[in-house]
Amino acid sequence: MKLVVEKNGTIEYDPTVPCITASFTDFMSSDQFKAFLDKGLTHLIEKKKSHARLLWLADTSKHAVQPEKDIQWVAEEWNPRALKAGINHVAFVLPENVFAVRSVKGYAAKSAAKEDEIKEGVMTVEFFGKIEDAKEWFRNLKPVAAALK
């Protein structure tokens, strides 16, 4: 079900996984990128109310390179809000552009570096070549009981 349709991206909900898929189809300015991700997070928070766990699936297969400052913003601003909302799983469909792949993997490295500072939990980030592979991975994950602190 399409939730958001914009010039350079769409956000969809698939209750069978369950997941919110953000598909990037071209370059987004910093403001567009942040607003797009914030819309996605709003939908994640809303749909999380109906699911014990929910996947954020970023289809970056057609995405251009996003500036480093935007990747930093995701790691430092967006991720903590997602974790606080109970979003602990992120999957990427890797871009075709080798430079964009570096950008996506840079996000994962920055996210891992921030995990020690985030009290709400850990974000698991995985990479795939196809959307269906990412969905299948999440469907097959075994629920994990909350760790005692």
N, C-alpha and C. Protein backbone atom coordinates (compact mmCIF):
# COMPACT_ATOMS: atom_id res chain seq x y z
N MET A 1 0.84 -1.16 0.00
CA MET A 1 0.00 0.00 0.00
C MET A 1 0.90 1.24 0.00
N LYS A 2 0.71 2.12 -1.00
CA LYS A 2 1.52 3.34 -1.09
C LYS A 2 1.02 4.36 -0.07
N LEU A 3 1.96 4.89 0.70
CA LEU A 3 1.65 5.88 1.71
C LEU A 3 2.08 7.28 1.29
N VAL A 4 3.21 7.36 0.59
CA VAL A 4 3.76 8.64 0.14
C VAL A 4 4.30 8.44 -1.27
N VAL A 5 3.96 9.35 -2.16
CA VAL A 5 4.51 9.33 -3.52
C VAL A 5 5.07 10.72 -3.78
N GLU A 6 6.36 10.78 -4.04
CA GLU A 6 7.03 12.04 -4.33
C GLU A 6 7.82 11.89 -5.62
N LYS A 7 8.35 12.99 -6.10
CA LYS A 7 9.09 12.99 -7.36
C LYS A 7 10.23 11.98 -7.35
N ASN A 8 11.00 11.91 -6.27
CA ASN A 8 12.19 11.06 -6.24
C ASN A 8 12.10 9.91 -5.24
N GLY A 9 10.88 9.56 -4.85
CA GLY A 9 10.77 8.44 -3.92
C GLY A 9 9.34 8.11 -3.54
N THR A 10 9.16 6.89 -3.05
CA THR A 10 7.86 6.44 -2.54
C THR A 10 8.07 5.74 -1.21
N ILE A 11 7.03 5.77 -0.41
CA ILE A 11 7.02 5.05 0.86
C ILE A 11 5.80 4.14 0.83
N GLU A 12 6.03 2.84 1.07
CA GLU A 12 4.96 1.85 1.01
C GLU A 12 4.93 1.02 2.28
N TYR A 13 3.77 0.46 2.56
CA TYR A 13 3.57 -0.40 3.72
C TYR A 13 3.18 -1.79 3.23
N ASP A 14 3.86 -2.81 3.75
CA ASP A 14 3.54 -4.20 3.43
C ASP A 14 3.28 -4.93 4.74
N PRO A 15 2.00 -5.13 5.11
CA PRO A 15 1.69 -5.77 6.38
C PRO A 15 2.08 -7.24 6.44
N THR A 16 2.36 -7.87 5.30
CA THR A 16 2.71 -9.29 5.30
C THR A 16 4.12 -9.54 5.81
N VAL A 17 4.96 -8.51 5.87
CA VAL A 17 6.35 -8.72 6.31
C VAL A 17 6.46 -8.59 7.83
N PRO A 18 6.06 -7.60 8.51
CA PRO A 18 5.61 -6.27 8.12
C PRO A 18 6.79 -5.31 7.93
N CYS A 19 6.61 -4.35 7.00
CA CYS A 19 7.68 -3.37 6.76
C CYS A 19 7.14 -2.10 6.13
N ILE A 20 7.92 -1.07 6.30
CA ILE A 20 7.75 0.18 5.56
C ILE A 20 8.93 0.22 4.60
N THR A 21 8.64 0.35 3.31
CA THR A 21 9.70 0.42 2.30
C THR A 21 9.79 1.84 1.76
N ALA A 22 10.99 2.40 1.87
CA ALA A 22 11.28 3.70 1.28
C ALA A 22 12.10 3.44 0.02
N SER A 23 11.55 3.79 -1.12
CA SER A 23 12.25 3.59 -2.39
C SER A 23 12.72 4.95 -2.90
N PHE A 24 14.02 5.04 -3.10
CA PHE A 24 14.64 6.26 -3.60
C PHE A 24 14.90 6.07 -5.09
N THR A 25 14.39 7.00 -5.92
CA THR A 25 14.51 6.82 -7.36
C THR A 25 15.49 7.78 -8.01
N ASP A 26 15.98 8.75 -7.26
CA ASP A 26 16.94 9.71 -7.81
C ASP A 26 17.53 10.51 -6.65
N PHE A 27 18.36 11.48 -6.98
CA PHE A 27 18.97 12.32 -5.96
C PHE A 27 17.91 13.17 -5.27
N MET A 28 18.08 13.36 -3.97
CA MET A 28 17.23 14.26 -3.19
C MET A 28 18.13 15.31 -2.55
N SER A 29 17.65 16.55 -2.53
CA SER A 29 18.39 17.58 -1.80
C SER A 29 18.37 17.20 -0.32
N SER A 30 19.21 17.83 0.47
CA SER A 30 19.25 17.53 1.91
C SER A 30 17.88 17.73 2.54
N ASP A 31 17.22 18.83 2.23
CA ASP A 31 15.91 19.10 2.81
C ASP A 31 14.88 18.05 2.37
N GLN A 32 14.89 17.68 1.09
CA GLN A 32 13.97 16.65 0.59
C GLN A 32 14.25 15.32 1.28
N PHE A 33 15.52 14.95 1.38
CA PHE A 33 15.94 13.69 1.97
C PHE A 33 15.47 13.59 3.42
N LYS A 34 15.73 14.64 4.20
CA LYS A 34 15.34 14.63 5.61
C LYS A 34 13.82 14.59 5.76
N ALA A 35 13.11 15.38 4.97
CA ALA A 35 11.65 15.39 5.04
C ALA A 35 11.08 14.03 4.65
N PHE A 36 11.66 13.41 3.63
CA PHE A 36 11.22 12.09 3.17
C PHE A 36 11.41 11.05 4.28
N LEU A 37 12.60 11.05 4.89
CA LEU A 37 12.85 10.09 5.97
C LEU A 37 11.96 10.37 7.18
N ASP A 38 11.71 11.63 7.48
CA ASP A 38 10.82 11.95 8.59
C ASP A 38 9.39 11.48 8.33
N LYS A 39 8.93 11.59 7.08
CA LYS A 39 7.61 11.04 6.73
C LYS A 39 7.60 9.53 6.93
N GLY A 40 8.68 8.89 6.51
CA GLY A 40 8.78 7.44 6.71
C GLY A 40 8.75 7.07 8.17
N LEU A 41 9.45 7.83 9.01
CA LEU A 41 9.48 7.55 10.44
C LEU A 41 8.09 7.75 11.06
N THR A 42 7.38 8.76 10.61
CA THR A 42 6.01 8.97 11.10
C THR A 42 5.15 7.74 10.80
N HIS A 43 5.27 7.20 9.61
CA HIS A 43 4.50 6.00 9.25
C HIS A 43 5.00 4.77 10.02
N LEU A 44 6.31 4.67 10.23
CA LEU A 44 6.85 3.57 11.04
C LEU A 44 6.24 3.59 12.44
N ILE A 45 6.23 4.76 13.06
CA ILE A 45 5.71 4.89 14.42
C ILE A 45 4.23 4.51 14.45
N GLU A 46 3.48 4.96 13.48
CA GLU A 46 2.05 4.64 13.43
C GLU A 46 1.82 3.14 13.22
N LYS A 47 2.50 2.54 12.27
CA LYS A 47 2.30 1.11 11.97
C LYS A 47 2.87 0.21 13.07
N LYS A 48 3.87 0.70 13.80
CA LYS A 48 4.47 -0.10 14.88
C LYS A 48 3.43 -0.41 15.96
N LYS A 49 2.43 0.43 16.08
CA LYS A 49 1.37 0.21 17.07
C LYS A 49 0.62 -1.10 16.80
N SER A 50 0.66 -1.57 15.55
CA SER A 50 -0.06 -2.79 15.16
C SER A 50 0.84 -4.02 15.07
N HIS A 51 2.15 -3.84 15.27
CA HIS A 51 3.09 -4.95 15.09
C HIS A 51 4.10 -5.00 16.23
N ALA A 52 4.45 -6.20 16.65
CA ALA A 52 5.48 -6.36 17.68
C ALA A 52 6.83 -5.86 17.18
N ARG A 53 7.09 -6.05 15.89
CA ARG A 53 8.32 -5.55 15.27
C ARG A 53 8.01 -5.17 13.83
N LEU A 54 8.81 -4.25 13.32
CA LEU A 54 8.56 -3.69 12.00
C LEU A 54 9.90 -3.37 11.36
N LEU A 55 10.04 -3.69 10.08
CA LEU A 55 11.27 -3.46 9.34
C LEU A 55 11.22 -2.13 8.59
N TRP A 56 12.31 -1.38 8.64
CA TRP A 56 12.51 -0.23 7.75
C TRP A 56 13.35 -0.76 6.61
N LEU A 57 12.78 -0.78 5.42
CA LEU A 57 13.44 -1.31 4.23
C LEU A 57 13.73 -0.17 3.27
N ALA A 58 15.00 0.13 3.09
CA ALA A 58 15.41 1.23 2.21
C ALA A 58 15.86 0.64 0.87
N ASP A 59 15.05 0.87 -0.15
CA ASP A 59 15.42 0.43 -1.49
C ASP A 59 16.23 1.55 -2.13
N THR A 60 17.54 1.42 -2.06
CA THR A 60 18.44 2.44 -2.59
C THR A 60 19.02 2.01 -3.94
N SER A 61 18.41 1.01 -4.57
CA SER A 61 18.96 0.47 -5.82
C SER A 61 19.05 1.52 -6.93
N LYS A 62 18.19 2.52 -6.91
CA LYS A 62 18.20 3.57 -7.95
C LYS A 62 18.64 4.93 -7.38
N HIS A 63 19.10 4.91 -6.15
CA HIS A 63 19.45 6.17 -5.46
C HIS A 63 20.83 6.65 -5.87
N ALA A 64 20.95 7.96 -5.96
CA ALA A 64 22.25 8.58 -6.23
C ALA A 64 22.99 8.76 -4.90
N VAL A 65 24.21 9.21 -4.97
CA VAL A 65 25.01 9.44 -3.77
C VAL A 65 24.38 10.56 -2.96
N GLN A 66 24.21 10.32 -1.67
CA GLN A 66 23.70 11.35 -0.76
C GLN A 66 24.89 11.98 -0.05
N PRO A 67 24.90 13.30 0.14
CA PRO A 67 26.05 13.94 0.80
C PRO A 67 26.32 13.39 2.20
N GLU A 68 27.57 13.41 2.58
CA GLU A 68 28.03 12.90 3.87
C GLU A 68 27.25 13.51 5.04
N LYS A 69 26.95 14.80 4.97
CA LYS A 69 26.23 15.45 6.07
C LYS A 69 24.84 14.85 6.26
N ASP A 70 24.23 14.38 5.18
CA ASP A 70 22.91 13.74 5.29
C ASP A 70 23.02 12.37 5.95
N ILE A 71 24.07 11.64 5.62
CA ILE A 71 24.30 10.33 6.23
C ILE A 71 24.56 10.50 7.73
N GLN A 72 25.33 11.52 8.07
CA GLN A 72 25.60 11.83 9.48
C GLN A 72 24.29 12.16 10.21
N TRP A 73 23.42 12.93 9.57
CA TRP A 73 22.12 13.29 10.15
C TRP A 73 21.30 12.04 10.45
N VAL A 74 21.29 11.10 9.52
CA VAL A 74 20.52 9.86 9.74
C VAL A 74 21.06 9.13 10.96
N ALA A 75 22.38 8.98 11.03
CA ALA A 75 23.00 8.25 12.14
C ALA A 75 22.78 8.95 13.49
N GLU A 76 22.86 10.27 13.49
CA GLU A 76 22.82 11.01 14.76
C GLU A 76 21.42 11.48 15.16
N GLU A 77 20.55 11.70 14.20
CA GLU A 77 19.23 12.26 14.50
C GLU A 77 18.08 11.27 14.25
N TRP A 78 18.08 10.67 13.07
CA TRP A 78 16.96 9.81 12.69
C TRP A 78 17.00 8.48 13.43
N ASN A 79 18.16 7.83 13.45
CA ASN A 79 18.27 6.52 14.12
C ASN A 79 17.83 6.54 15.57
N PRO A 80 18.29 7.50 16.39
CA PRO A 80 17.84 7.49 17.79
C PRO A 80 16.32 7.62 17.93
N ARG A 81 15.70 8.40 17.06
CA ARG A 81 14.23 8.51 17.11
C ARG A 81 13.58 7.20 16.69
N ALA A 82 14.15 6.54 15.69
CA ALA A 82 13.60 5.24 15.25
C ALA A 82 13.75 4.20 16.36
N LEU A 83 14.92 4.16 16.98
CA LEU A 83 15.14 3.21 18.07
C LEU A 83 14.20 3.47 19.24
N LYS A 84 14.01 4.73 19.57
CA LYS A 84 13.10 5.08 20.66
C LYS A 84 11.68 4.60 20.36
N ALA A 85 11.32 4.59 19.08
CA ALA A 85 10.00 4.12 18.66
C ALA A 85 9.93 2.59 18.55
N GLY A 86 11.05 1.90 18.80
CA GLY A 86 11.05 0.44 18.76
C GLY A 86 11.41 -0.15 17.41
N ILE A 87 11.99 0.66 16.53
CA ILE A 87 12.42 0.16 15.22
C ILE A 87 13.87 -0.29 15.35
N ASN A 88 14.10 -1.60 15.30
CA ASN A 88 15.43 -2.15 15.53
C ASN A 88 16.02 -2.86 14.33
N HIS A 89 15.30 -2.91 13.22
CA HIS A 89 15.79 -3.62 12.04
C HIS A 89 15.69 -2.73 10.80
N VAL A 90 16.81 -2.62 10.11
CA VAL A 90 16.90 -1.84 8.87
C VAL A 90 17.54 -2.74 7.82
N ALA A 91 16.95 -2.75 6.64
CA ALA A 91 17.53 -3.50 5.53
C ALA A 91 17.68 -2.56 4.34
N PHE A 92 18.78 -2.72 3.62
CA PHE A 92 19.04 -1.93 2.43
C PHE A 92 19.09 -2.84 1.21
N VAL A 93 18.44 -2.41 0.14
CA VAL A 93 18.69 -2.99 -1.17
C VAL A 93 19.76 -2.08 -1.75
N LEU A 94 20.93 -2.65 -2.00
CA LEU A 94 22.09 -1.84 -2.37
C LEU A 94 21.94 -1.17 -3.73
N PRO A 95 22.51 0.02 -3.85
CA PRO A 95 22.46 0.75 -5.11
C PRO A 95 23.31 0.10 -6.19
N GLU A 96 22.99 0.42 -7.42
CA GLU A 96 23.79 -0.05 -8.56
C GLU A 96 25.08 0.76 -8.68
N ASN A 97 25.03 2.03 -8.26
CA ASN A 97 26.16 2.95 -8.33
C ASN A 97 27.16 2.63 -7.22
N VAL A 98 28.41 2.35 -7.58
CA VAL A 98 29.43 1.96 -6.60
C VAL A 98 29.67 3.06 -5.56
N PHE A 99 29.56 4.32 -5.95
CA PHE A 99 29.76 5.41 -5.00
C PHE A 99 28.60 5.50 -4.03
N ALA A 100 27.40 5.21 -4.50
CA ALA A 100 26.24 5.19 -3.63
C ALA A 100 26.32 4.02 -2.65
N VAL A 101 26.90 2.91 -3.07
CA VAL A 101 27.11 1.77 -2.16
C VAL A 101 27.98 2.22 -0.99
N ARG A 102 29.04 2.96 -1.28
CA ARG A 102 29.91 3.47 -0.22
C ARG A 102 29.13 4.34 0.76
N SER A 103 28.23 5.15 0.23
CA SER A 103 27.42 6.02 1.07
C SER A 103 26.53 5.21 2.01
N VAL A 104 25.89 4.18 1.48
CA VAL A 104 25.02 3.32 2.28
C VAL A 104 25.83 2.58 3.34
N LYS A 105 26.96 2.04 2.95
CA LYS A 105 27.79 1.31 3.92
C LYS A 105 28.39 2.27 4.95
N GLY A 106 28.63 3.51 4.53
CA GLY A 106 29.10 4.53 5.48
C GLY A 106 28.05 4.80 6.54
N TYR A 107 26.78 4.81 6.14
CA TYR A 107 25.69 4.96 7.11
C TYR A 107 25.74 3.84 8.14
N ALA A 108 25.92 2.62 7.69
CA ALA A 108 25.95 1.47 8.61
C ALA A 108 27.10 1.61 9.59
N ALA A 109 28.26 2.04 9.12
CA ALA A 109 29.41 2.22 10.00
C ALA A 109 29.14 3.32 11.03
N LYS A 110 28.55 4.42 10.60
CA LYS A 110 28.24 5.51 11.52
C LYS A 110 27.18 5.07 12.53
N SER A 111 26.22 4.29 12.08
CA SER A 111 25.18 3.80 12.97
C SER A 111 25.76 2.89 14.03
N ALA A 112 26.66 2.00 13.64
CA ALA A 112 27.29 1.09 14.60
C ALA A 112 28.09 1.88 15.62
N ALA A 113 28.74 2.95 15.19
CA ALA A 113 29.54 3.76 16.10
C ALA A 113 28.67 4.46 17.13
N LYS A 114 27.42 4.74 16.81
CA LYS A 114 26.52 5.45 17.72
C LYS A 114 25.81 4.51 18.69
N GLU A 115 25.84 3.21 18.46
CA GLU A 115 25.07 2.27 19.28
C GLU A 115 25.40 2.35 20.76
N ASP A 116 26.66 2.58 21.10
CA ASP A 116 27.04 2.66 22.50
C ASP A 116 26.39 3.84 23.20
N GLU A 117 26.03 4.87 22.44
CA GLU A 117 25.45 6.07 23.02
C GLU A 117 23.94 5.99 23.12
N ILE A 118 23.33 5.05 22.44
CA ILE A 118 21.87 4.98 22.38
C ILE A 118 21.37 3.99 23.43
N LYS A 119 20.48 4.46 24.28
CA LYS A 119 20.00 3.64 25.39
C LYS A 119 18.83 2.73 24.99
N GLU A 120 18.16 3.05 23.90
CA GLU A 120 16.94 2.31 23.54
C GLU A 120 17.20 0.95 22.92
N GLY A 121 18.43 0.65 22.56
CA GLY A 121 18.70 -0.65 21.97
C GLY A 121 19.68 -0.57 20.83
N VAL A 122 19.73 -1.64 20.09
CA VAL A 122 20.68 -1.76 18.99
C VAL A 122 19.89 -1.88 17.69
N MET A 123 20.40 -1.25 16.64
CA MET A 123 19.76 -1.34 15.34
C MET A 123 20.53 -2.35 14.50
N THR A 124 19.86 -3.37 14.04
CA THR A 124 20.45 -4.37 13.16
C THR A 124 20.30 -3.88 11.73
N VAL A 125 21.42 -3.78 11.01
CA VAL A 125 21.41 -3.31 9.63
C VAL A 125 21.94 -4.43 8.74
N GLU A 126 21.18 -4.78 7.69
CA GLU A 126 21.59 -5.82 6.74
C GLU A 126 21.48 -5.27 5.32
N PHE A 127 22.23 -5.89 4.41
CA PHE A 127 22.29 -5.45 3.01
C PHE A 127 21.88 -6.60 2.09
N PHE A 128 21.12 -6.24 1.03
CA PHE A 128 20.62 -7.24 0.10
C PHE A 128 20.69 -6.73 -1.33
N GLY A 129 20.59 -7.65 -2.27
CA GLY A 129 20.57 -7.29 -3.68
C GLY A 129 19.17 -7.10 -4.22
N LYS A 130 18.17 -7.68 -3.53
CA LYS A 130 16.78 -7.61 -4.00
C LYS A 130 15.85 -7.35 -2.82
N ILE A 131 14.77 -6.65 -3.11
CA ILE A 131 13.77 -6.34 -2.07
C ILE A 131 13.22 -7.62 -1.45
N GLU A 132 12.88 -8.59 -2.28
CA GLU A 132 12.27 -9.82 -1.76
C GLU A 132 13.21 -10.55 -0.80
N ASP A 133 14.50 -10.51 -1.06
CA ASP A 133 15.46 -11.15 -0.15
C ASP A 133 15.45 -10.47 1.22
N ALA A 134 15.36 -9.16 1.23
CA ALA A 134 15.31 -8.42 2.50
C ALA A 134 14.04 -8.75 3.27
N LYS A 135 12.92 -8.81 2.58
CA LYS A 135 11.66 -9.14 3.23
C LYS A 135 11.69 -10.56 3.80
N GLU A 136 12.24 -11.47 3.04
CA GLU A 136 12.32 -12.86 3.49
C GLU A 136 13.21 -12.98 4.73
N TRP A 137 14.31 -12.25 4.75
CA TRP A 137 15.20 -12.25 5.92
C TRP A 137 14.42 -11.83 7.16
N PHE A 138 13.66 -10.76 7.07
CA PHE A 138 12.94 -10.26 8.24
C PHE A 138 11.83 -11.21 8.65
N ARG A 139 11.13 -11.76 7.68
CA ARG A 139 10.07 -12.74 8.00
C ARG A 139 10.63 -13.93 8.77
N ASN A 140 11.84 -14.34 8.42
CA ASN A 140 12.44 -15.53 9.03
C ASN A 140 13.18 -15.28 10.33
N LEU A 141 13.31 -14.02 10.73
CA LEU A 141 13.98 -13.73 12.00
C LEU A 141 13.16 -14.27 13.16
N LYS A 142 13.83 -14.86 14.09
CA LYS A 142 13.17 -15.34 15.29
C LYS A 142 13.03 -14.18 16.27
N PRO A 143 11.85 -14.00 16.85
CA PRO A 143 11.72 -12.94 17.86
C PRO A 143 12.68 -13.18 19.01
N VAL A 144 13.28 -12.11 19.48
CA VAL A 144 14.24 -12.20 20.58
C VAL A 144 13.64 -11.52 21.79
N ALA A 145 13.69 -12.20 22.93
CA ALA A 145 13.20 -11.60 24.16
C ALA A 145 14.09 -10.42 24.54
N ALA A 146 13.49 -9.43 25.15
CA ALA A 146 14.26 -8.25 25.56
C ALA A 146 15.34 -8.66 26.56
N ALA A 147 16.52 -8.14 26.34
CA ALA A 147 17.64 -8.45 27.23
C ALA A 147 17.45 -7.75 28.57
N LEU A 148 17.84 -8.42 29.63
CA LEU A 148 17.80 -7.81 30.95
C LEU A 148 18.92 -6.80 31.07
N LYS A 149 18.63 -5.69 31.68
CA LYS A 149 19.64 -4.64 31.82
C LYS A 149 20.21 -4.65 33.21
